[in-house]
Amino acid sequence: MNLLEKISRKNIYIYLFSKYIYQNYLYRFFFEEEFRILKYIKDKKKIILDIGSNSGVSAKSIRLFNSHNKIVSLEPNKNLKSKLFNLKKKIPLFNYFLFGALNKKKKIPLFIPFFKKYSLDAQSSIKLEYVLDSLKRGIFEKNILKKVFIKKINCEFKPIDHLKLNPFFVKVDTEGSEHLVLRGMTKTVRKKKPVLMIEKNDINFNLVKNFLIKHDYNIYSFKNEKLKIYKFKSKEHLNIICIHKSQKKILKIFF
């Protein structure tokens, strides 16, 4: 998290304004650094899978470093349909589906926080406890939990394995349910061995780590375009990069 982002998160009004400016104009300059790894990994026959796309800003970030692979984004919040529809008209080889990813096919509530009339959709999740944790991690204003209210909308979720996709890179950012997303893509992980970019979350890190270890993945941090074996730190905001041990061509680039 850069300094500008830290400052903007200290006030809810500045956060909302900066979020709008970032998503529409500044995404080219302020993006999650881990997306840079796409400069080094390529597979023309496979897709990039974006799980938890929100309004599509991650797809925009992906396009900064990859211009030729199809991006498939999944987002359960149907209130974001118009933004994703408009994005599809603007960037090439992009498609989206209005359902989320979990370990089982089902319809369940998605908890969405609001400040006055403004949706804090980036902090939405399938459990209220995950939402409250995400708000505290994502917005640093004092007493933020007292200033928001929560709405519920019923959303559809499916296991990734049911979709029979062919990804070489998968981004997972689902505000606390990442471990369930991984369980729903067990067959895909075993067969395709994609590089995984997963938002690190203290709530479920051990569950995510255990899944990755079981399936022969190493966990790295990615900074200054270099990989380093990741050592857990609490309250640390970053995306972990997870690479299967058999992906020797990728590992040779960095080691």
C-alpha atoms as a PDB file:
ATOM      1  CA  MET A   1       0.000   0.000   0.000  1.00  0.00           C
ATOM      2  CA  ASN A   2       1.548   3.294  -1.110  1.00  0.00           C
ATOM      3  CA  LEU A   3       1.591   6.525   0.923  1.00  0.00           C
ATOM      4  CA  LEU A   4      -1.155   8.208  -1.129  1.00  0.00           C
ATOM      5  CA  GLU A   5      -3.448   5.253  -0.571  1.00  0.00           C
ATOM      6  CA  LYS A   6      -2.786   5.276   3.185  1.00  0.00           C
ATOM      7  CA  ILE A   7      -3.666   8.975   3.379  1.00  0.00           C
ATOM      8  CA  SER A   8      -6.864   8.583   1.352  1.00  0.00           C
ATOM      9  CA  ARG A   9      -8.082   5.764   3.585  1.00  0.00           C
ATOM     10  CA  LYS A  10      -7.991   7.898   6.733  1.00  0.00           C
ATOM     11  CA  ASN A  11     -11.140   9.821   5.821  1.00  0.00           C
ATOM     12  CA  ILE A  12     -14.277   8.253   4.381  1.00  0.00           C
ATOM     13  CA  TYR A  13     -15.039  11.211   2.082  1.00  0.00           C
ATOM     14  CA  ILE A  14     -11.506  11.305   0.714  1.00  0.00           C
ATOM     15  CA  TYR A  15     -11.652   7.518   0.331  1.00  0.00           C
ATOM     16  CA  LEU A  16     -14.834   7.660  -1.765  1.00  0.00           C
ATOM     17  CA  PHE A  17     -13.506  10.486  -3.939  1.00  0.00           C
ATOM     18  CA  SER A  18     -10.116   8.855  -4.454  1.00  0.00           C
ATOM     19  CA  LYS A  19     -11.800   5.524  -5.245  1.00  0.00           C
ATOM     20  CA  TYR A  20     -13.762   7.180  -8.060  1.00  0.00           C
ATOM     21  CA  ILE A  21     -10.702   8.988  -9.429  1.00  0.00           C
ATOM     22  CA  TYR A  22      -8.577   5.858  -9.169  1.00  0.00           C
ATOM     23  CA  GLN A  23     -11.046   3.531 -10.889  1.00  0.00           C
ATOM     24  CA  ASN A  24     -11.696   5.920 -13.756  1.00  0.00           C
ATOM     25  CA  TYR A  25      -8.456   7.834 -14.277  1.00  0.00           C
ATOM     26  CA  LEU A  26      -5.483   6.935 -12.073  1.00  0.00           C
ATOM     27  CA  TYR A  27      -5.537   3.139 -12.327  1.00  0.00           C
ATOM     28  CA  ARG A  28      -2.683   3.418 -14.839  1.00  0.00           C
ATOM     29  CA  PHE A  29      -0.418   4.876 -12.154  1.00  0.00           C
ATOM     30  CA  PHE A  30      -1.643   3.416  -8.854  1.00  0.00           C
ATOM     31  CA  PHE A  31      -2.261  -0.310  -9.120  1.00  0.00           C
ATOM     32  CA  GLU A  32      -1.467  -3.407  -7.096  1.00  0.00           C
ATOM     33  CA  GLU A  33       2.213  -4.019  -7.709  1.00  0.00           C
ATOM     34  CA  GLU A  34       1.809  -7.788  -7.953  1.00  0.00           C
ATOM     35  CA  PHE A  35       0.095  -7.434 -11.348  1.00  0.00           C
ATOM     36  CA  ARG A  36       3.556  -6.638 -12.755  1.00  0.00           C
ATOM     37  CA  ILE A  37       4.362 -10.344 -12.687  1.00  0.00           C
ATOM     38  CA  LEU A  38       2.226 -10.654 -15.825  1.00  0.00           C
ATOM     39  CA  LYS A  39       5.112  -9.094 -17.747  1.00  0.00           C
ATOM     40  CA  TYR A  40       7.070 -12.293 -17.152  1.00  0.00           C
ATOM     41  CA  ILE A  41       4.489 -15.076 -17.442  1.00  0.00           C
ATOM     42  CA  LYS A  42       2.635 -15.775 -20.678  1.00  0.00           C
ATOM     43  CA  ASP A  43       0.571 -18.518 -22.281  1.00  0.00           C
ATOM     44  CA  LYS A  44      -1.235 -17.594 -25.483  1.00  0.00           C
ATOM     45  CA  LYS A  45      -3.580 -20.590 -25.300  1.00  0.00           C
ATOM     46  CA  LYS A  46      -4.929 -19.913 -21.815  1.00  0.00           C
ATOM     47  CA  ILE A  47      -6.961 -17.230 -20.033  1.00  0.00           C
ATOM     48  CA  ILE A  48      -6.553 -14.886 -17.081  1.00  0.00           C
ATOM     49  CA  LEU A  49      -9.208 -15.448 -14.418  1.00  0.00           C
ATOM     50  CA  ASP A  50     -10.228 -12.522 -12.212  1.00  0.00           C
ATOM     51  CA  ILE A  51     -12.224 -13.729  -9.183  1.00  0.00           C
ATOM     52  CA  GLY A  52     -13.844 -10.888  -7.276  1.00  0.00           C
ATOM     53  CA  SER A  53     -13.657  -8.303 -10.039  1.00  0.00           C
ATOM     54  CA  ASN A  54     -15.771  -5.638  -8.303  1.00  0.00           C
ATOM     55  CA  SER A  55     -16.198  -2.822 -10.874  1.00  0.00           C
ATOM     56  CA  GLY A  56     -13.464  -4.209 -13.120  1.00  0.00           C
ATOM     57  CA  VAL A  57     -10.478  -2.130 -12.056  1.00  0.00           C
ATOM     58  CA  SER A  58      -8.366  -5.288 -11.680  1.00  0.00           C
ATOM     59  CA  ALA A  59      -9.072  -6.150 -15.313  1.00  0.00           C
ATOM     60  CA  LYS A  60      -7.851  -2.660 -16.250  1.00  0.00           C
ATOM     61  CA  SER A  61      -4.678  -3.266 -14.235  1.00  0.00           C
ATOM     62  CA  ILE A  62      -4.160  -6.632 -15.920  1.00  0.00           C
ATOM     63  CA  ARG A  63      -4.383  -4.973 -19.333  1.00  0.00           C
ATOM     64  CA  LEU A  64      -1.482  -2.688 -18.417  1.00  0.00           C
ATOM     65  CA  PHE A  65       0.823  -5.708 -18.446  1.00  0.00           C
ATOM     66  CA  ASN A  66      -0.959  -8.186 -20.708  1.00  0.00           C
ATOM     67  CA  SER A  67      -2.656  -7.178 -23.940  1.00  0.00           C
ATOM     68  CA  HIS A  68      -3.279 -10.509 -25.649  1.00  0.00           C
ATOM     69  CA  ASN A  69      -4.887 -13.017 -23.259  1.00  0.00           C
ATOM     70  CA  LYS A  70      -8.620 -13.168 -22.671  1.00  0.00           C
ATOM     71  CA  ILE A  71      -9.717 -11.978 -19.219  1.00  0.00           C
ATOM     72  CA  VAL A  72     -12.711 -13.637 -17.555  1.00  0.00           C
ATOM     73  CA  SER A  73     -14.010 -11.787 -14.492  1.00  0.00           C
ATOM     74  CA  LEU A  74     -16.444 -13.096 -11.883  1.00  0.00           C
ATOM     75  CA  GLU A  75     -18.484 -10.748  -9.681  1.00  0.00           C
ATOM     76  CA  PRO A  76     -21.554 -11.749  -7.635  1.00  0.00           C
ATOM     77  CA  ASN A  77     -22.786  -8.180  -6.979  1.00  0.00           C
ATOM     78  CA  LYS A  78     -25.334  -7.508  -9.732  1.00  0.00           C
ATOM     79  CA  ASN A  79     -25.398  -3.823  -8.811  1.00  0.00           C
ATOM     80  CA  LEU A  80     -22.054  -3.585 -10.635  1.00  0.00           C
ATOM     81  CA  LYS A  81     -23.433  -4.940 -13.905  1.00  0.00           C
ATOM     82  CA  SER A  82     -23.496  -1.589 -15.717  1.00  0.00           C
ATOM     83  CA  LYS A  83     -19.868  -0.826 -14.847  1.00  0.00           C
ATOM     84  CA  LEU A  84     -18.714  -4.230 -16.082  1.00  0.00           C
ATOM     85  CA  PHE A  85     -20.871  -3.939 -19.197  1.00  0.00           C
ATOM     86  CA  ASN A  86     -19.316  -0.565 -20.033  1.00  0.00           C
ATOM     87  CA  LEU A  87     -15.841  -1.930 -19.363  1.00  0.00           C
ATOM     88  CA  LYS A  88     -16.451  -4.772 -21.808  1.00  0.00           C
ATOM     89  CA  LYS A  89     -16.933  -2.170 -24.540  1.00  0.00           C
ATOM     90  CA  LYS A  90     -13.682  -0.430 -23.666  1.00  0.00           C
ATOM     91  CA  ILE A  91     -11.050  -3.149 -23.285  1.00  0.00           C
ATOM     92  CA  PRO A  92     -10.439  -6.023 -25.710  1.00  0.00           C
ATOM     93  CA  LEU A  93     -10.780  -9.726 -24.958  1.00  0.00           C
ATOM     94  CA  PHE A  94     -12.741  -9.141 -21.761  1.00  0.00           C
ATOM     95  CA  ASN A  95     -15.824 -10.948 -20.509  1.00  0.00           C
ATOM     96  CA  TYR A  96     -17.582 -11.146 -17.159  1.00  0.00           C
ATOM     97  CA  PHE A  97     -20.129 -13.270 -15.325  1.00  0.00           C
ATOM     98  CA  LEU A  98     -22.436 -12.032 -12.580  1.00  0.00           C
ATOM     99  CA  PHE A  99     -21.831 -14.805 -10.091  1.00  0.00           C
ATOM    100  CA  GLY A 100     -19.156 -15.453  -7.528  1.00  0.00           C
ATOM    101  CA  ALA A 101     -16.872 -18.385  -6.805  1.00  0.00           C
ATOM    102  CA  LEU A 102     -17.108 -20.723  -3.798  1.00  0.00           C
ATOM    103  CA  ASN A 103     -16.673 -24.409  -3.007  1.00  0.00           C
ATOM    104  CA  LYS A 104     -20.345 -25.234  -3.682  1.00  0.00           C
ATOM    105  CA  LYS A 105     -23.032 -24.049  -6.064  1.00  0.00           C
ATOM    106  CA  LYS A 106     -25.600 -22.037  -4.103  1.00  0.00           C
ATOM    107  CA  LYS A 107     -27.465 -18.776  -3.674  1.00  0.00           C
ATOM    108  CA  ILE A 108     -26.620 -16.936  -0.480  1.00  0.00           C
ATOM    109  CA  PRO A 109     -26.615 -13.323   0.740  1.00  0.00           C
ATOM    110  CA  LEU A 110     -23.784 -10.982  -0.074  1.00  0.00           C
ATOM    111  CA  PHE A 111     -23.273  -8.375   2.666  1.00  0.00           C
ATOM    112  CA  ILE A 112     -22.608  -4.915   1.202  1.00  0.00           C
ATOM    113  CA  PRO A 113     -21.627  -1.963   3.439  1.00  0.00           C
ATOM    114  CA  PHE A 114     -22.916   1.539   2.735  1.00  0.00           C
ATOM    115  CA  PHE A 115     -21.902   4.961   3.967  1.00  0.00           C
ATOM    116  CA  LYS A 116     -24.998   7.112   3.516  1.00  0.00           C
ATOM    117  CA  LYS A 117     -26.019   6.434  -0.106  1.00  0.00           C
ATOM    118  CA  TYR A 118     -22.555   5.331  -1.197  1.00  0.00           C
ATOM    119  CA  SER A 119     -21.780   1.657  -1.631  1.00  0.00           C
ATOM    120  CA  LEU A 120     -18.479   0.438  -0.208  1.00  0.00           C
ATOM    121  CA  ASP A 121     -18.697  -2.537  -2.538  1.00  0.00           C
ATOM    122  CA  ALA A 122     -14.973  -3.361  -2.384  1.00  0.00           C
ATOM    123  CA  GLN A 123     -15.541  -4.471   1.218  1.00  0.00           C
ATOM    124  CA  SER A 124     -18.476  -6.788   0.413  1.00  0.00           C
ATOM    125  CA  SER A 125     -18.341 -10.436   1.428  1.00  0.00           C
ATOM    126  CA  ILE A 126     -20.403 -13.546   2.140  1.00  0.00           C
ATOM    127  CA  LYS A 127     -20.152 -13.166   5.933  1.00  0.00           C
ATOM    128  CA  LEU A 128     -20.809 -10.131   8.079  1.00  0.00           C
ATOM    129  CA  GLU A 129     -17.661 -10.770  10.126  1.00  0.00           C
ATOM    130  CA  TYR A 130     -15.588 -10.679   6.934  1.00  0.00           C
ATOM    131  CA  VAL A 131     -17.156  -7.342   5.953  1.00  0.00           C
ATOM    132  CA  LEU A 132     -16.452  -5.775   9.336  1.00  0.00           C
ATOM    133  CA  ASP A 133     -12.869  -6.987   9.208  1.00  0.00           C
ATOM    134  CA  SER A 134     -12.463  -5.651   5.673  1.00  0.00           C
ATOM    135  CA  LEU A 135     -13.810  -2.246   6.686  1.00  0.00           C
ATOM    136  CA  LYS A 136     -11.322  -2.001   9.547  1.00  0.00           C
ATOM    137  CA  ARG A 137      -8.459  -3.079   7.278  1.00  0.00           C
ATOM    138  CA  GLY A 138      -9.485  -0.957   4.319  1.00  0.00           C
ATOM    139  CA  ILE A 139     -10.681   2.320   5.816  1.00  0.00           C
ATOM    140  CA  PHE A 140      -8.718   3.834   8.679  1.00  0.00           C
ATOM    141  CA  GLU A 141     -11.203   6.484   9.812  1.00  0.00           C
ATOM    142  CA  LYS A 142     -11.997   6.315  13.520  1.00  0.00           C
ATOM    143  CA  ASN A 143     -15.269   4.521  14.397  1.00  0.00           C
ATOM    144  CA  ILE A 144     -15.841   3.535  10.773  1.00  0.00           C
ATOM    145  CA  LEU A 145     -18.038   0.599  11.850  1.00  0.00           C
ATOM    146  CA  LYS A 146     -20.469   3.019  13.503  1.00  0.00           C
ATOM    147  CA  LYS A 147     -20.780   5.103  10.346  1.00  0.00           C
ATOM    148  CA  VAL A 148     -21.893   2.381   7.942  1.00  0.00           C
ATOM    149  CA  PHE A 149     -24.928   0.160   7.519  1.00  0.00           C
ATOM    150  CA  ILE A 150     -25.162  -3.210   5.797  1.00  0.00           C
ATOM    151  CA  LYS A 151     -27.471  -4.345   3.016  1.00  0.00           C
ATOM    152  CA  LYS A 152     -27.929  -7.926   1.885  1.00  0.00           C
ATOM    153  CA  ILE A 153     -28.601  -9.109  -1.663  1.00  0.00           C
ATOM    154  CA  ASN A 154     -28.996 -12.719  -2.730  1.00  0.00           C
ATOM    155  CA  CYS A 155     -26.248 -13.776  -5.129  1.00  0.00           C
ATOM    156  CA  GLU A 156     -25.282 -16.850  -7.072  1.00  0.00           C
ATOM    157  CA  PHE A 157     -22.011 -18.705  -6.466  1.00  0.00           C
ATOM    158  CA  LYS A 158     -20.391 -21.607  -8.325  1.00  0.00           C
ATOM    159  CA  PRO A 159     -17.212 -23.680  -8.005  1.00  0.00           C
ATOM    160  CA  ILE A 160     -14.607 -22.740 -10.598  1.00  0.00           C
ATOM    161  CA  ASP A 161     -14.226 -26.435 -11.437  1.00  0.00           C
ATOM    162  CA  HIS A 162     -17.783 -26.438 -12.851  1.00  0.00           C
ATOM    163  CA  LEU A 163     -16.791 -23.842 -15.442  1.00  0.00           C
ATOM    164  CA  LYS A 164     -14.012 -25.975 -16.977  1.00  0.00           C
ATOM    165  CA  LEU A 165     -11.774 -22.994 -17.657  1.00  0.00           C
ATOM    166  CA  ASN A 166      -8.156 -23.036 -18.762  1.00  0.00           C
ATOM    167  CA  PRO A 167      -6.316 -20.319 -16.764  1.00  0.00           C
ATOM    168  CA  PHE A 168      -2.581 -19.704 -16.465  1.00  0.00           C
ATOM    169  CA  PHE A 169      -3.081 -16.830 -14.001  1.00  0.00           C
ATOM    170  CA  VAL A 170      -5.802 -16.441 -11.369  1.00  0.00           C
ATOM    171  CA  LYS A 171      -6.430 -13.414  -9.157  1.00  0.00           C
ATOM    172  CA  VAL A 172      -8.509 -14.096  -6.034  1.00  0.00           C
ATOM    173  CA  ASP A 173      -9.802 -11.235  -3.901  1.00  0.00           C
ATOM    174  CA  THR A 174     -13.050 -12.117  -2.100  1.00  0.00           C
ATOM    175  CA  GLU A 175     -12.674 -10.457   1.316  1.00  0.00           C
ATOM    176  CA  GLY A 176     -12.255 -13.504   3.555  1.00  0.00           C
ATOM    177  CA  SER A 177     -13.624 -16.386   1.489  1.00  0.00           C
ATOM    178  CA  GLU A 178     -10.475 -17.040  -0.572  1.00  0.00           C
ATOM    179  CA  HIS A 179     -10.014 -20.471   1.040  1.00  0.00           C
ATOM    180  CA  LEU A 180     -13.494 -21.520  -0.120  1.00  0.00           C
ATOM    181  CA  VAL A 181     -12.768 -20.246  -3.636  1.00  0.00           C
ATOM    182  CA  LEU A 182      -9.640 -22.415  -3.729  1.00  0.00           C
ATOM    183  CA  ARG A 183     -11.528 -25.499  -2.560  1.00  0.00           C
ATOM    184  CA  GLY A 184     -13.943 -24.971  -5.429  1.00  0.00           C
ATOM    185  CA  MET A 185     -11.118 -24.961  -7.961  1.00  0.00           C
ATOM    186  CA  THR A 186      -9.190 -27.986  -6.720  1.00  0.00           C
ATOM    187  CA  LYS A 187      -9.396 -29.834 -10.055  1.00  0.00           C
ATOM    188  CA  THR A 188      -8.412 -26.718 -11.996  1.00  0.00           C
ATOM    189  CA  VAL A 189      -5.401 -26.169  -9.739  1.00  0.00           C
ATOM    190  CA  ARG A 190      -4.274 -29.780 -10.035  1.00  0.00           C
ATOM    191  CA  LYS A 191      -4.659 -29.922 -13.809  1.00  0.00           C
ATOM    192  CA  LYS A 192      -3.690 -26.415 -14.973  1.00  0.00           C
ATOM    193  CA  LYS A 193      -1.308 -25.361 -12.155  1.00  0.00           C
ATOM    194  CA  PRO A 194      -1.952 -21.633 -12.699  1.00  0.00           C
ATOM    195  CA  VAL A 195      -0.017 -18.873 -10.974  1.00  0.00           C
ATOM    196  CA  LEU A 196      -2.242 -17.580  -8.178  1.00  0.00           C
ATOM    197  CA  MET A 197      -2.390 -14.015  -6.913  1.00  0.00           C
ATOM    198  CA  ILE A 198      -4.361 -14.072  -3.656  1.00  0.00           C
ATOM    199  CA  GLU A 199      -5.190 -11.210  -1.328  1.00  0.00           C
ATOM    200  CA  LYS A 200      -3.588 -12.091   1.995  1.00  0.00           C
ATOM    201  CA  ASN A 201      -6.048 -12.013   4.868  1.00  0.00           C
ATOM    202  CA  ASP A 202      -5.258 -12.787   8.515  1.00  0.00           C
ATOM    203  CA  ILE A 203      -8.704 -14.359   8.985  1.00  0.00           C
ATOM    204  CA  ASN A 204      -8.103 -17.263   6.618  1.00  0.00           C
ATOM    205  CA  PHE A 205      -4.375 -17.228   5.868  1.00  0.00           C
ATOM    206  CA  ASN A 206      -3.681 -20.599   7.496  1.00  0.00           C
ATOM    207  CA  LEU A 207      -6.523 -22.230   5.549  1.00  0.00           C
ATOM    208  CA  VAL A 208      -5.190 -20.759   2.298  1.00  0.00           C
ATOM    209  CA  LYS A 209      -1.628 -21.780   3.161  1.00  0.00           C
ATOM    210  CA  ASN A 210      -2.646 -25.353   3.985  1.00  0.00           C
ATOM    211  CA  PHE A 211      -4.440 -25.697   0.653  1.00  0.00           C
ATOM    212  CA  LEU A 212      -1.438 -24.380  -1.247  1.00  0.00           C
ATOM    213  CA  ILE A 213       1.047 -26.617   0.553  1.00  0.00           C
ATOM    214  CA  LYS A 214      -1.172 -29.653  -0.054  1.00  0.00           C
ATOM    215  CA  HIS A 215      -1.159 -28.905  -3.773  1.00  0.00           C
ATOM    216  CA  ASP A 216       2.606 -28.289  -4.025  1.00  0.00           C
ATOM    217  CA  TYR A 217       2.586 -24.517  -4.272  1.00  0.00           C
ATOM    218  CA  ASN A 218       5.200 -22.183  -2.854  1.00  0.00           C
ATOM    219  CA  ILE A 219       4.089 -18.827  -1.449  1.00  0.00           C
ATOM    220  CA  TYR A 220       5.956 -15.643  -2.356  1.00  0.00           C
ATOM    221  CA  SER A 221       5.764 -11.906  -1.923  1.00  0.00           C
ATOM    222  CA  PHE A 222       6.441  -9.807  -5.028  1.00  0.00           C
ATOM    223  CA  LYS A 223       8.203  -6.477  -4.640  1.00  0.00           C
ATOM    224  CA  ASN A 224      10.406  -4.465  -6.969  1.00  0.00           C
ATOM    225  CA  GLU A 225       9.634  -7.126  -9.579  1.00  0.00           C
ATOM    226  CA  LYS A 226      11.323  -9.834  -7.509  1.00  0.00           C
ATOM    227  CA  LEU A 227       9.934 -12.896  -5.762  1.00  0.00           C
ATOM    228  CA  LYS A 228      10.772 -13.707  -2.173  1.00  0.00           C
ATOM    229  CA  ILE A 229       9.556 -16.593  -0.018  1.00  0.00           C
ATOM    230  CA  TYR A 230       6.727 -15.143   2.027  1.00  0.00           C
ATOM    231  CA  LYS A 231       6.898 -15.126   5.810  1.00  0.00           C
ATOM    232  CA  PHE A 232       3.620 -14.350   7.514  1.00  0.00           C
ATOM    233  CA  LYS A 233       3.159 -10.982   9.208  1.00  0.00           C
ATOM    234  CA  SER A 234      -0.133 -10.015  10.822  1.00  0.00           C
ATOM    235  CA  LYS A 235      -1.937  -6.887   9.635  1.00  0.00           C
ATOM    236  CA  GLU A 236       0.191  -6.794   6.487  1.00  0.00           C
ATOM    237  CA  HIS A 237      -1.681  -5.736   3.354  1.00  0.00           C
ATOM    238  CA  LEU A 238      -0.436  -7.415   0.168  1.00  0.00           C
ATOM    239  CA  ASN A 239      -1.186 -10.082  -2.412  1.00  0.00           C
ATOM    240  CA  ILE A 240       0.704 -13.341  -2.173  1.00  0.00           C
ATOM    241  CA  ILE A 241       1.989 -14.911  -5.381  1.00  0.00           C
ATOM    242  CA  CYS A 242       1.680 -18.685  -5.417  1.00  0.00           C
ATOM    243  CA  ILE A 243       3.576 -20.808  -7.936  1.00  0.00           C
ATOM    244  CA  HIS A 244       3.433 -24.565  -8.386  1.00  0.00           C
ATOM    245  CA  LYS A 245       6.761 -26.313  -7.818  1.00  0.00           C
ATOM    246  CA  SER A 246       6.606 -27.849 -11.302  1.00  0.00           C
ATOM    247  CA  GLN A 247       6.538 -24.422 -12.998  1.00  0.00           C
ATOM    248  CA  LYS A 248      10.310 -24.360 -13.405  1.00  0.00           C
ATOM    249  CA  LYS A 249      10.270 -21.993 -16.391  1.00  0.00           C
ATOM    250  CA  ILE A 250       8.597 -19.328 -14.299  1.00  0.00           C
ATOM    251  CA  LEU A 251      10.809 -19.899 -11.279  1.00  0.00           C
ATOM    252  CA  LYS A 252      13.965 -19.635 -13.414  1.00  0.00           C
ATOM    253  CA  ILE A 253      13.011 -16.076 -14.314  1.00  0.00           C
ATOM    254  CA  PHE A 254      13.293 -14.985 -10.687  1.00  0.00           C
ATOM    255  CA  PHE A 255      15.814 -17.420  -9.185  1.00  0.00           C
END
